[in-house]
Amino acid sequence: MKVVKILQEQSGRLQIESNCSTNNELLELLSSCITSLKNISHQLGFVEFKMKTARDCYATTLRRNAIPLETISELLGHSNTMVTRHYIGSMDLETITKANECLI
């Protein structure tokens, strides 16, 4: 699958190290992430991915897979869950339909 191949190539290029000790190392890591997102979106023929889009999708995907809001908040490094709610996408149509059925 084309997507898997592209992601494997980009992840091999991005050697993320968890022990960045300086601001310059963190900026270089962030720059690499942005470049990788740009390359992935270009190779797939999509509109250019942005870090904000990736972050929003990450939070929404976790929430739709029943991950508790508190856990998502911690993973995103937020100070509280109110901040996290900003990143969570709206509910899917199936969830809205099930909720509305309770009213009928």
C-alpha atoms as a PDB file:
ATOM      1  CA  MET A   1       0.000   0.000   0.000  1.00  0.00           C
ATOM      2  CA  LYS A   2       1.361   3.395  -1.025  1.00  0.00           C
ATOM      3  CA  VAL A   3       0.514   5.072   2.288  1.00  0.00           C
ATOM      4  CA  VAL A   4       2.370   2.463   4.353  1.00  0.00           C
ATOM      5  CA  LYS A   5       5.451   2.685   2.125  1.00  0.00           C
ATOM      6  CA  ILE A   6       5.550   6.485   2.366  1.00  0.00           C
ATOM      7  CA  LEU A   7       5.093   6.434   6.141  1.00  0.00           C
ATOM      8  CA  GLN A   8       7.854   3.842   6.530  1.00  0.00           C
ATOM      9  CA  GLU A   9      10.231   5.953   4.441  1.00  0.00           C
ATOM     10  CA  GLN A  10       9.468   9.088   6.429  1.00  0.00           C
ATOM     11  CA  SER A  11       9.677   7.366   9.825  1.00  0.00           C
ATOM     12  CA  GLY A  12      13.076   5.976   8.863  1.00  0.00           C
ATOM     13  CA  ARG A  13      14.177   9.507   8.007  1.00  0.00           C
ATOM     14  CA  LEU A  14      12.876  10.864  11.298  1.00  0.00           C
ATOM     15  CA  GLN A  15      14.962   9.446  14.105  1.00  0.00           C
ATOM     16  CA  ILE A  16      13.092  10.892  17.065  1.00  0.00           C
ATOM     17  CA  GLU A  17      15.200  10.986  20.187  1.00  0.00           C
ATOM     18  CA  SER A  18      13.492  11.364  23.522  1.00  0.00           C
ATOM     19  CA  ASN A  19      16.510  13.021  25.160  1.00  0.00           C
ATOM     20  CA  CYS A  20      16.649  16.369  23.369  1.00  0.00           C
ATOM     21  CA  SER A  21      18.571  18.503  25.823  1.00  0.00           C
ATOM     22  CA  THR A  22      18.661  21.904  24.140  1.00  0.00           C
ATOM     23  CA  ASN A  23      16.192  24.227  22.485  1.00  0.00           C
ATOM     24  CA  ASN A  24      18.126  23.877  19.221  1.00  0.00           C
ATOM     25  CA  GLU A  25      17.697  20.091  19.283  1.00  0.00           C
ATOM     26  CA  LEU A  26      13.965  20.499  19.925  1.00  0.00           C
ATOM     27  CA  LEU A  27      13.673  23.009  17.074  1.00  0.00           C
ATOM     28  CA  GLU A  28      15.534  20.639  14.736  1.00  0.00           C
ATOM     29  CA  LEU A  29      13.192  17.809  15.744  1.00  0.00           C
ATOM     30  CA  LEU A  30      10.130  19.982  15.155  1.00  0.00           C
ATOM     31  CA  SER A  31      11.497  21.066  11.792  1.00  0.00           C
ATOM     32  CA  SER A  32      12.011  17.415  10.825  1.00  0.00           C
ATOM     33  CA  CYS A  33       8.442  16.583  11.828  1.00  0.00           C
ATOM     34  CA  ILE A  34       7.051  19.469   9.773  1.00  0.00           C
ATOM     35  CA  THR A  35       9.153  18.459   6.765  1.00  0.00           C
ATOM     36  CA  SER A  36       7.996  14.853   7.079  1.00  0.00           C
ATOM     37  CA  LEU A  37       4.335  15.876   7.239  1.00  0.00           C
ATOM     38  CA  LYS A  38       4.840  18.064   4.183  1.00  0.00           C
ATOM     39  CA  ASN A  39       6.539  15.231   2.276  1.00  0.00           C
ATOM     40  CA  ILE A  40       3.864  12.703   3.217  1.00  0.00           C
ATOM     41  CA  SER A  41       1.008  14.957   2.137  1.00  0.00           C
ATOM     42  CA  HIS A  42       2.792  15.855  -1.114  1.00  0.00           C
ATOM     43  CA  GLN A  43       3.523  12.205  -1.988  1.00  0.00           C
ATOM     44  CA  LEU A  44      -0.092  11.214  -1.299  1.00  0.00           C
ATOM     45  CA  GLY A  45      -1.452  14.120  -3.326  1.00  0.00           C
ATOM     46  CA  PHE A  46      -3.204  15.680  -0.318  1.00  0.00           C
ATOM     47  CA  VAL A  47      -3.444  19.268   0.813  1.00  0.00           C
ATOM     48  CA  GLU A  48      -0.360  19.987   2.929  1.00  0.00           C
ATOM     49  CA  PHE A  49      -0.610  18.548   6.431  1.00  0.00           C
ATOM     50  CA  LYS A  50       0.120  20.903   9.305  1.00  0.00           C
ATOM     51  CA  MET A  51       1.199  20.054  12.854  1.00  0.00           C
ATOM     52  CA  LYS A  52      -2.100  21.429  14.176  1.00  0.00           C
ATOM     53  CA  THR A  53      -4.030  19.119  11.848  1.00  0.00           C
ATOM     54  CA  ALA A  54      -1.976  16.120  12.958  1.00  0.00           C
ATOM     55  CA  ARG A  55      -2.519  17.020  16.625  1.00  0.00           C
ATOM     56  CA  ASP A  56      -6.275  17.509  16.154  1.00  0.00           C
ATOM     57  CA  CYS A  57      -6.597  14.196  14.287  1.00  0.00           C
ATOM     58  CA  TYR A  58      -4.576  12.402  16.955  1.00  0.00           C
ATOM     59  CA  ALA A  59      -6.797  13.665  19.767  1.00  0.00           C
ATOM     60  CA  THR A  60     -10.013  12.978  17.850  1.00  0.00           C
ATOM     61  CA  THR A  61      -8.938   9.448  16.901  1.00  0.00           C
ATOM     62  CA  LEU A  62      -8.062   8.637  20.508  1.00  0.00           C
ATOM     63  CA  ARG A  63     -11.406   9.980  21.738  1.00  0.00           C
ATOM     64  CA  ARG A  64     -13.386   8.054  19.113  1.00  0.00           C
ATOM     65  CA  ASN A  65     -11.610   4.922  20.311  1.00  0.00           C
ATOM     66  CA  ALA A  66     -12.936   5.488  23.843  1.00  0.00           C
ATOM     67  CA  ILE A  67      -9.690   6.768  25.355  1.00  0.00           C
ATOM     68  CA  PRO A  68     -10.583   8.839  28.448  1.00  0.00           C
ATOM     69  CA  LEU A  69     -10.321  12.599  28.057  1.00  0.00           C
ATOM     70  CA  GLU A  70      -7.917  12.761  31.019  1.00  0.00           C
ATOM     71  CA  THR A  71      -5.510  10.388  29.261  1.00  0.00           C
ATOM     72  CA  ILE A  72      -5.660  12.344  26.003  1.00  0.00           C
ATOM     73  CA  SER A  73      -5.055  15.545  27.938  1.00  0.00           C
ATOM     74  CA  GLU A  74      -1.947  14.075  29.527  1.00  0.00           C
ATOM     75  CA  LEU A  75      -0.657  12.718  26.199  1.00  0.00           C
ATOM     76  CA  LEU A  76      -1.030  16.158  24.627  1.00  0.00           C
ATOM     77  CA  GLY A  77       0.689  17.812  27.597  1.00  0.00           C
ATOM     78  CA  HIS A  78      -2.285  19.976  28.520  1.00  0.00           C
ATOM     79  CA  SER A  79      -2.709  21.544  31.935  1.00  0.00           C
ATOM     80  CA  ASN A  80      -6.371  20.476  32.126  1.00  0.00           C
ATOM     81  CA  THR A  81      -9.080  18.720  30.143  1.00  0.00           C
ATOM     82  CA  MET A  82     -10.777  21.978  29.109  1.00  0.00           C
ATOM     83  CA  VAL A  83      -7.809  22.720  26.864  1.00  0.00           C
ATOM     84  CA  THR A  84      -8.037  19.201  25.411  1.00  0.00           C
ATOM     85  CA  ARG A  85     -11.689  19.622  24.448  1.00  0.00           C
ATOM     86  CA  HIS A  86     -10.526  22.182  21.889  1.00  0.00           C
ATOM     87  CA  TYR A  87      -8.660  19.472  19.989  1.00  0.00           C
ATOM     88  CA  ILE A  88     -11.434  16.887  20.037  1.00  0.00           C
ATOM     89  CA  GLY A  89     -13.438  16.810  16.815  1.00  0.00           C
ATOM     90  CA  SER A  90     -17.179  16.764  16.739  1.00  0.00           C
ATOM     91  CA  MET A  91     -19.018  13.509  17.203  1.00  0.00           C
ATOM     92  CA  ASP A  92     -19.543  11.258  14.232  1.00  0.00           C
ATOM     93  CA  LEU A  93     -23.016  10.823  12.717  1.00  0.00           C
ATOM     94  CA  GLU A  94     -23.543   7.384  14.297  1.00  0.00           C
ATOM     95  CA  THR A  95     -22.952   8.752  17.809  1.00  0.00           C
ATOM     96  CA  ILE A  96     -25.331  11.672  17.201  1.00  0.00           C
ATOM     97  CA  THR A  97     -28.018   9.316  15.843  1.00  0.00           C
ATOM     98  CA  LYS A  98     -27.742   7.003  18.865  1.00  0.00           C
ATOM     99  CA  ALA A  99     -27.969   9.964  21.245  1.00  0.00           C
ATOM    100  CA  ASN A 100     -31.048  11.332  19.471  1.00  0.00           C
ATOM    101  CA  GLU A 101     -32.742   7.918  19.560  1.00  0.00           C
ATOM    102  CA  CYS A 102     -32.794   8.191  23.349  1.00  0.00           C
ATOM    103  CA  LEU A 103     -35.089  11.190  23.022  1.00  0.00           C
ATOM    104  CA  ILE A 104     -37.643   9.481  20.835  1.00  0.00           C
END
